[in-house]
Amino acid sequence: MENHTPAPVKPTVPMTDVEKLDIRVGTIVAVEDVPTSNKLVRLRVDFGDHTRTILAGMKSERADPQEIRGRQALFVVNLEAKRMAGEVSEGMLFDIGFADGITPVLAIPERTVPNGARAG
């Protein structure tokens, strides 16, 4: 394990703010290169009742981004769509470590759950 000093805890927020986020489990069914970006890959994610395209900045974080294909992970699905490198992202991969300068890892359920299951 890396030697790491945790960042200070952020200011308290009301539970109603946390409840605004819609965090769901999805299965990453495809990982594709975004040729116009040095950072982004295009994830196709199955949420059970629909599939979304979510861009993630993991090109330089993993030797082979394909290693996450078929894995379940957590995603924020109710963010405004965002255009990046000429493509539209319909959510955000919820990962662990990036904000602390640690090589990120996926936030994953401990066992397989139905796609679209909500966190919280």
N, C-alpha and C. Protein backbone atom coordinates (compact mmCIF):
# COMPACT_ATOMS: atom_id res chain seq x y z
N MET A 1 0.83 -1.20 0.00
CA MET A 1 0.00 0.00 0.00
C MET A 1 0.87 1.25 0.00
N GLU A 2 0.37 2.26 -0.66
CA GLU A 2 1.07 3.54 -0.68
C GLU A 2 0.89 4.23 0.68
N ASN A 3 1.92 5.01 1.08
CA ASN A 3 1.80 5.82 2.28
C ASN A 3 0.94 7.02 1.91
N HIS A 4 -0.17 7.21 2.60
CA HIS A 4 -1.13 8.24 2.21
C HIS A 4 -1.69 8.91 3.46
N THR A 5 -1.69 10.24 3.45
CA THR A 5 -2.33 11.02 4.49
C THR A 5 -3.67 11.49 3.95
N PRO A 6 -4.78 11.07 4.56
CA PRO A 6 -6.10 11.48 4.05
C PRO A 6 -6.28 13.00 4.06
N ALA A 7 -6.99 13.49 3.07
CA ALA A 7 -7.34 14.91 3.00
C ALA A 7 -8.32 15.24 4.13
N PRO A 8 -8.39 16.51 4.53
CA PRO A 8 -9.38 16.89 5.55
C PRO A 8 -10.80 16.59 5.05
N VAL A 9 -11.68 16.28 5.98
CA VAL A 9 -13.07 16.02 5.66
C VAL A 9 -13.71 17.34 5.18
N LYS A 10 -14.48 17.26 4.11
CA LYS A 10 -15.15 18.44 3.56
C LYS A 10 -16.23 18.92 4.53
N PRO A 11 -16.71 20.17 4.33
CA PRO A 11 -17.77 20.70 5.21
C PRO A 11 -19.03 19.82 5.16
N THR A 12 -19.75 19.80 6.26
CA THR A 12 -21.00 19.04 6.38
C THR A 12 -22.02 19.55 5.38
N VAL A 13 -22.76 18.61 4.77
CA VAL A 13 -23.86 18.97 3.87
C VAL A 13 -25.13 18.29 4.38
N PRO A 14 -26.29 18.88 4.09
CA PRO A 14 -27.52 18.23 4.52
C PRO A 14 -27.77 16.95 3.72
N MET A 15 -28.41 15.98 4.34
CA MET A 15 -28.71 14.71 3.68
C MET A 15 -29.52 14.93 2.39
N THR A 16 -30.31 15.99 2.35
CA THR A 16 -31.10 16.26 1.14
C THR A 16 -30.20 16.51 -0.07
N ASP A 17 -29.00 17.06 0.15
CA ASP A 17 -28.06 17.26 -0.96
C ASP A 17 -27.53 15.93 -1.46
N VAL A 18 -27.20 15.02 -0.55
CA VAL A 18 -26.70 13.70 -0.93
C VAL A 18 -27.78 12.94 -1.69
N GLU A 19 -29.02 13.06 -1.25
CA GLU A 19 -30.13 12.35 -1.88
C GLU A 19 -30.41 12.82 -3.30
N LYS A 20 -29.88 13.97 -3.68
CA LYS A 20 -30.06 14.47 -5.05
C LYS A 20 -29.25 13.67 -6.06
N LEU A 21 -28.14 13.06 -5.62
CA LEU A 21 -27.32 12.28 -6.53
C LEU A 21 -27.95 10.91 -6.77
N ASP A 22 -27.98 10.50 -8.02
CA ASP A 22 -28.49 9.18 -8.38
C ASP A 22 -27.29 8.33 -8.78
N ILE A 23 -26.84 7.49 -7.85
CA ILE A 23 -25.67 6.65 -8.07
C ILE A 23 -26.17 5.23 -8.28
N ARG A 24 -25.80 4.64 -9.42
CA ARG A 24 -26.30 3.31 -9.78
C ARG A 24 -25.18 2.38 -10.21
N VAL A 25 -25.46 1.11 -10.09
CA VAL A 25 -24.54 0.08 -10.57
C VAL A 25 -24.83 -0.15 -12.05
N GLY A 26 -23.75 -0.24 -12.82
CA GLY A 26 -23.87 -0.58 -14.24
C GLY A 26 -22.73 -1.51 -14.62
N THR A 27 -22.96 -2.31 -15.66
CA THR A 27 -21.91 -3.18 -16.18
C THR A 27 -21.28 -2.52 -17.39
N ILE A 28 -19.97 -2.42 -17.39
CA ILE A 28 -19.22 -1.84 -18.50
C ILE A 28 -19.17 -2.89 -19.61
N VAL A 29 -19.90 -2.65 -20.70
CA VAL A 29 -19.98 -3.64 -21.78
C VAL A 29 -18.99 -3.37 -22.91
N ALA A 30 -18.48 -2.15 -22.99
CA ALA A 30 -17.48 -1.82 -24.01
C ALA A 30 -16.59 -0.70 -23.51
N VAL A 31 -15.32 -0.77 -23.89
CA VAL A 31 -14.33 0.28 -23.59
C VAL A 31 -13.68 0.63 -24.92
N GLU A 32 -13.88 1.87 -25.37
CA GLU A 32 -13.39 2.28 -26.68
C GLU A 32 -12.51 3.52 -26.56
N ASP A 33 -11.55 3.62 -27.42
CA ASP A 33 -10.66 4.78 -27.46
C ASP A 33 -11.41 6.01 -27.96
N VAL A 34 -11.12 7.16 -27.40
CA VAL A 34 -11.58 8.45 -27.94
C VAL A 34 -10.35 9.03 -28.62
N PRO A 35 -10.26 8.91 -29.96
CA PRO A 35 -9.03 9.28 -30.67
C PRO A 35 -8.65 10.75 -30.57
N THR A 36 -9.61 11.63 -30.25
CA THR A 36 -9.33 13.06 -30.17
C THR A 36 -8.87 13.48 -28.77
N SER A 37 -8.63 12.51 -27.88
CA SER A 37 -8.25 12.82 -26.50
C SER A 37 -7.08 11.96 -26.05
N ASN A 38 -6.19 12.57 -25.26
CA ASN A 38 -5.07 11.83 -24.66
C ASN A 38 -5.47 11.17 -23.35
N LYS A 39 -6.65 11.50 -22.82
CA LYS A 39 -7.08 11.01 -21.51
C LYS A 39 -8.31 10.11 -21.56
N LEU A 40 -9.26 10.42 -22.45
CA LEU A 40 -10.58 9.81 -22.38
C LEU A 40 -10.72 8.47 -23.09
N VAL A 41 -11.53 7.60 -22.46
CA VAL A 41 -12.05 6.41 -23.12
C VAL A 41 -13.57 6.50 -23.05
N ARG A 42 -14.22 5.85 -24.00
CA ARG A 42 -15.68 5.82 -24.07
C ARG A 42 -16.15 4.50 -23.49
N LEU A 43 -16.95 4.58 -22.44
CA LEU A 43 -17.52 3.39 -21.83
C LEU A 43 -18.97 3.26 -22.28
N ARG A 44 -19.36 2.07 -22.69
CA ARG A 44 -20.79 1.78 -22.91
C ARG A 44 -21.21 0.99 -21.68
N VAL A 45 -22.21 1.51 -20.97
CA VAL A 45 -22.59 0.94 -19.68
C VAL A 45 -24.05 0.51 -19.69
N ASP A 46 -24.28 -0.74 -19.28
CA ASP A 46 -25.63 -1.31 -19.21
C ASP A 46 -26.19 -1.05 -17.82
N PHE A 47 -27.31 -0.31 -17.77
CA PHE A 47 -27.98 -0.02 -16.50
C PHE A 47 -29.28 -0.81 -16.35
N GLY A 48 -29.40 -1.90 -17.07
CA GLY A 48 -30.56 -2.77 -16.94
C GLY A 48 -31.69 -2.41 -17.88
N ASP A 49 -32.20 -1.19 -17.78
CA ASP A 49 -33.29 -0.76 -18.64
C ASP A 49 -32.82 0.14 -19.78
N HIS A 50 -31.54 0.50 -19.78
CA HIS A 50 -30.98 1.32 -20.85
C HIS A 50 -29.45 1.25 -20.79
N THR A 51 -28.83 1.69 -21.88
CA THR A 51 -27.38 1.74 -21.98
C THR A 51 -26.98 3.19 -22.20
N ARG A 52 -25.87 3.60 -21.59
CA ARG A 52 -25.38 4.98 -21.74
C ARG A 52 -23.92 4.98 -22.16
N THR A 53 -23.54 6.11 -22.75
CA THR A 53 -22.14 6.38 -23.05
C THR A 53 -21.61 7.28 -21.94
N ILE A 54 -20.53 6.85 -21.30
CA ILE A 54 -19.91 7.63 -20.24
C ILE A 54 -18.42 7.73 -20.54
N LEU A 55 -17.92 8.95 -20.61
CA LEU A 55 -16.50 9.17 -20.88
C LEU A 55 -15.74 9.18 -19.55
N ALA A 56 -14.60 8.54 -19.55
CA ALA A 56 -13.77 8.48 -18.34
C ALA A 56 -12.32 8.74 -18.71
N GLY A 57 -11.64 9.54 -17.90
CA GLY A 57 -10.26 9.92 -18.17
C GLY A 57 -9.28 8.91 -17.64
N MET A 58 -9.25 7.73 -18.24
CA MET A 58 -8.41 6.67 -17.69
C MET A 58 -7.36 6.14 -18.65
N LYS A 59 -7.15 6.79 -19.78
CA LYS A 59 -6.16 6.29 -20.74
C LYS A 59 -4.78 6.15 -20.12
N SER A 60 -4.36 7.14 -19.35
CA SER A 60 -3.01 7.09 -18.78
C SER A 60 -2.97 6.41 -17.42
N GLU A 61 -4.12 6.04 -16.88
CA GLU A 61 -4.19 5.43 -15.56
C GLU A 61 -4.04 3.92 -15.59
N ARG A 62 -4.25 3.32 -16.74
CA ARG A 62 -4.23 1.86 -16.86
C ARG A 62 -3.43 1.46 -18.09
N ALA A 63 -2.63 0.43 -17.95
CA ALA A 63 -1.88 -0.08 -19.10
C ALA A 63 -2.85 -0.58 -20.17
N ASP A 64 -3.96 -1.18 -19.74
CA ASP A 64 -4.96 -1.71 -20.67
C ASP A 64 -6.35 -1.39 -20.13
N PRO A 65 -6.97 -0.29 -20.59
CA PRO A 65 -8.32 0.04 -20.12
C PRO A 65 -9.35 -1.07 -20.38
N GLN A 66 -9.06 -1.96 -21.33
CA GLN A 66 -9.99 -3.06 -21.62
C GLN A 66 -10.20 -3.98 -20.41
N GLU A 67 -9.29 -3.94 -19.44
CA GLU A 67 -9.39 -4.83 -18.29
C GLU A 67 -10.65 -4.60 -17.47
N ILE A 68 -11.32 -3.46 -17.64
CA ILE A 68 -12.54 -3.21 -16.87
C ILE A 68 -13.81 -3.64 -17.62
N ARG A 69 -13.66 -4.06 -18.87
CA ARG A 69 -14.83 -4.53 -19.63
C ARG A 69 -15.43 -5.74 -18.91
N GLY A 70 -16.75 -5.73 -18.77
CA GLY A 70 -17.45 -6.81 -18.09
C GLY A 70 -17.58 -6.61 -16.59
N ARG A 71 -16.96 -5.58 -16.04
CA ARG A 71 -17.00 -5.32 -14.59
C ARG A 71 -18.19 -4.42 -14.24
N GLN A 72 -18.74 -4.63 -13.07
CA GLN A 72 -19.74 -3.71 -12.55
C GLN A 72 -19.02 -2.60 -11.80
N ALA A 73 -19.60 -1.40 -11.82
CA ALA A 73 -19.04 -0.27 -11.10
C ALA A 73 -20.17 0.70 -10.76
N LEU A 74 -19.83 1.71 -9.96
CA LEU A 74 -20.80 2.74 -9.59
C LEU A 74 -20.66 3.94 -10.52
N PHE A 75 -21.80 4.52 -10.89
CA PHE A 75 -21.85 5.68 -11.79
C PHE A 75 -22.87 6.68 -11.27
N VAL A 76 -22.57 7.97 -11.42
CA VAL A 76 -23.55 9.02 -11.16
C VAL A 76 -24.29 9.21 -12.48
N VAL A 77 -25.62 9.00 -12.45
CA VAL A 77 -26.39 9.00 -13.71
C VAL A 77 -27.29 10.21 -13.90
N ASN A 78 -27.37 11.10 -12.92
CA ASN A 78 -28.26 12.25 -13.10
C ASN A 78 -27.53 13.58 -13.20
N LEU A 79 -26.31 13.55 -13.72
CA LEU A 79 -25.59 14.78 -14.02
C LEU A 79 -26.02 15.28 -15.40
N GLU A 80 -25.89 16.58 -15.62
CA GLU A 80 -26.14 17.11 -16.96
C GLU A 80 -25.15 16.47 -17.93
N ALA A 81 -25.62 16.18 -19.15
CA ALA A 81 -24.72 15.65 -20.17
C ALA A 81 -23.60 16.66 -20.40
N LYS A 82 -22.40 16.15 -20.64
CA LYS A 82 -21.24 17.04 -20.81
C LYS A 82 -20.50 16.67 -22.08
N ARG A 83 -20.18 17.69 -22.89
CA ARG A 83 -19.42 17.47 -24.12
C ARG A 83 -17.93 17.56 -23.81
N MET A 84 -17.20 16.51 -24.20
CA MET A 84 -15.75 16.47 -24.00
C MET A 84 -15.13 15.85 -25.25
N ALA A 85 -14.08 16.47 -25.75
CA ALA A 85 -13.36 15.97 -26.93
C ALA A 85 -14.31 15.65 -28.08
N GLY A 86 -15.34 16.48 -28.23
CA GLY A 86 -16.28 16.31 -29.34
C GLY A 86 -17.31 15.22 -29.13
N GLU A 87 -17.36 14.61 -27.94
CA GLU A 87 -18.32 13.55 -27.64
C GLU A 87 -19.12 13.94 -26.40
N VAL A 88 -20.25 13.27 -26.19
CA VAL A 88 -21.11 13.59 -25.05
C VAL A 88 -21.06 12.46 -24.03
N SER A 89 -20.82 12.85 -22.77
CA SER A 89 -20.84 11.91 -21.66
C SER A 89 -22.17 12.04 -20.93
N GLU A 90 -22.82 10.88 -20.68
CA GLU A 90 -24.14 10.86 -20.05
C GLU A 90 -24.08 10.42 -18.59
N GLY A 91 -23.00 10.75 -17.91
CA GLY A 91 -22.86 10.38 -16.51
C GLY A 91 -21.41 10.45 -16.11
N MET A 92 -21.10 9.91 -14.91
CA MET A 92 -19.73 9.94 -14.42
C MET A 92 -19.40 8.63 -13.71
N LEU A 93 -18.27 8.06 -14.07
CA LEU A 93 -17.75 6.90 -13.36
C LEU A 93 -17.36 7.34 -11.96
N PHE A 94 -17.79 6.60 -10.96
CA PHE A 94 -17.47 6.89 -9.57
C PHE A 94 -16.24 6.06 -9.23
N ASP A 95 -15.07 6.70 -9.16
CA ASP A 95 -13.87 5.93 -8.85
C ASP A 95 -13.25 6.43 -7.55
N ILE A 96 -12.22 5.74 -7.11
CA ILE A 96 -11.59 6.04 -5.83
C ILE A 96 -10.11 6.35 -6.08
N GLY A 97 -9.63 7.47 -5.56
CA GLY A 97 -8.21 7.77 -5.60
C GLY A 97 -7.81 8.99 -6.40
N PHE A 98 -8.51 9.29 -7.48
CA PHE A 98 -8.10 10.37 -8.38
C PHE A 98 -7.90 11.70 -7.64
N ALA A 99 -8.87 12.08 -6.81
CA ALA A 99 -8.80 13.37 -6.11
C ALA A 99 -7.59 13.46 -5.17
N ASP A 100 -7.04 12.31 -4.78
CA ASP A 100 -5.90 12.28 -3.87
C ASP A 100 -4.58 12.01 -4.58
N GLY A 101 -4.61 12.01 -5.90
CA GLY A 101 -3.37 11.75 -6.64
C GLY A 101 -2.93 10.30 -6.61
N ILE A 102 -3.84 9.41 -6.27
CA ILE A 102 -3.58 7.97 -6.25
C ILE A 102 -4.11 7.38 -7.55
N THR A 103 -3.42 6.40 -8.10
CA THR A 103 -3.94 5.75 -9.30
C THR A 103 -5.34 5.23 -9.00
N PRO A 104 -6.35 5.71 -9.72
CA PRO A 104 -7.74 5.36 -9.40
C PRO A 104 -8.07 3.88 -9.58
N VAL A 105 -9.02 3.44 -8.77
CA VAL A 105 -9.60 2.12 -8.87
C VAL A 105 -11.12 2.28 -8.96
N LEU A 106 -11.79 1.28 -9.51
CA LEU A 106 -13.24 1.32 -9.61
C LEU A 106 -13.89 1.17 -8.24
N ALA A 107 -15.00 1.88 -8.04
CA ALA A 107 -15.85 1.65 -6.87
C ALA A 107 -16.83 0.56 -7.31
N ILE A 108 -16.69 -0.63 -6.73
CA ILE A 108 -17.45 -1.78 -7.21
C ILE A 108 -18.27 -2.42 -6.09
N PRO A 109 -19.39 -3.07 -6.46
CA PRO A 109 -20.13 -3.82 -5.44
C PRO A 109 -19.35 -5.08 -5.04
N GLU A 110 -19.53 -5.53 -3.81
CA GLU A 110 -18.78 -6.69 -3.32
C GLU A 110 -19.21 -7.99 -4.00
N ARG A 111 -20.43 -8.02 -4.54
CA ARG A 111 -20.88 -9.16 -5.33
C ARG A 111 -21.78 -8.63 -6.44
N THR A 112 -22.07 -9.43 -7.44
CA THR A 112 -22.90 -9.00 -8.55
C THR A 112 -24.31 -8.64 -8.05
N VAL A 113 -24.79 -7.50 -8.51
CA VAL A 113 -26.15 -7.04 -8.22
C VAL A 113 -26.80 -6.67 -9.53
N PRO A 114 -28.13 -6.53 -9.58
CA PRO A 114 -28.79 -6.17 -10.84
C PRO A 114 -28.31 -4.80 -11.35
N ASN A 115 -28.06 -4.71 -12.65
CA ASN A 115 -27.72 -3.41 -13.24
C ASN A 115 -28.86 -2.44 -12.97
N GLY A 116 -28.50 -1.21 -12.62
CA GLY A 116 -29.49 -0.19 -12.31
C GLY A 116 -29.79 -0.08 -10.83
N ALA A 117 -29.27 -1.02 -10.00
CA ALA A 117 -29.49 -0.93 -8.56
C ALA A 117 -28.89 0.38 -8.04
N ARG A 118 -29.60 1.03 -7.13
CA ARG A 118 -29.17 2.32 -6.62
C ARG A 118 -28.29 2.18 -5.39
N ALA A 119 -27.33 3.08 -5.27
CA ALA A 119 -26.49 3.16 -4.08
C ALA A 119 -27.12 4.15 -3.11
N GLY A 120 -26.91 3.94 -1.83
CA GLY A 120 -27.40 4.89 -0.85
C GLY A 120 -28.43 4.31 0.07
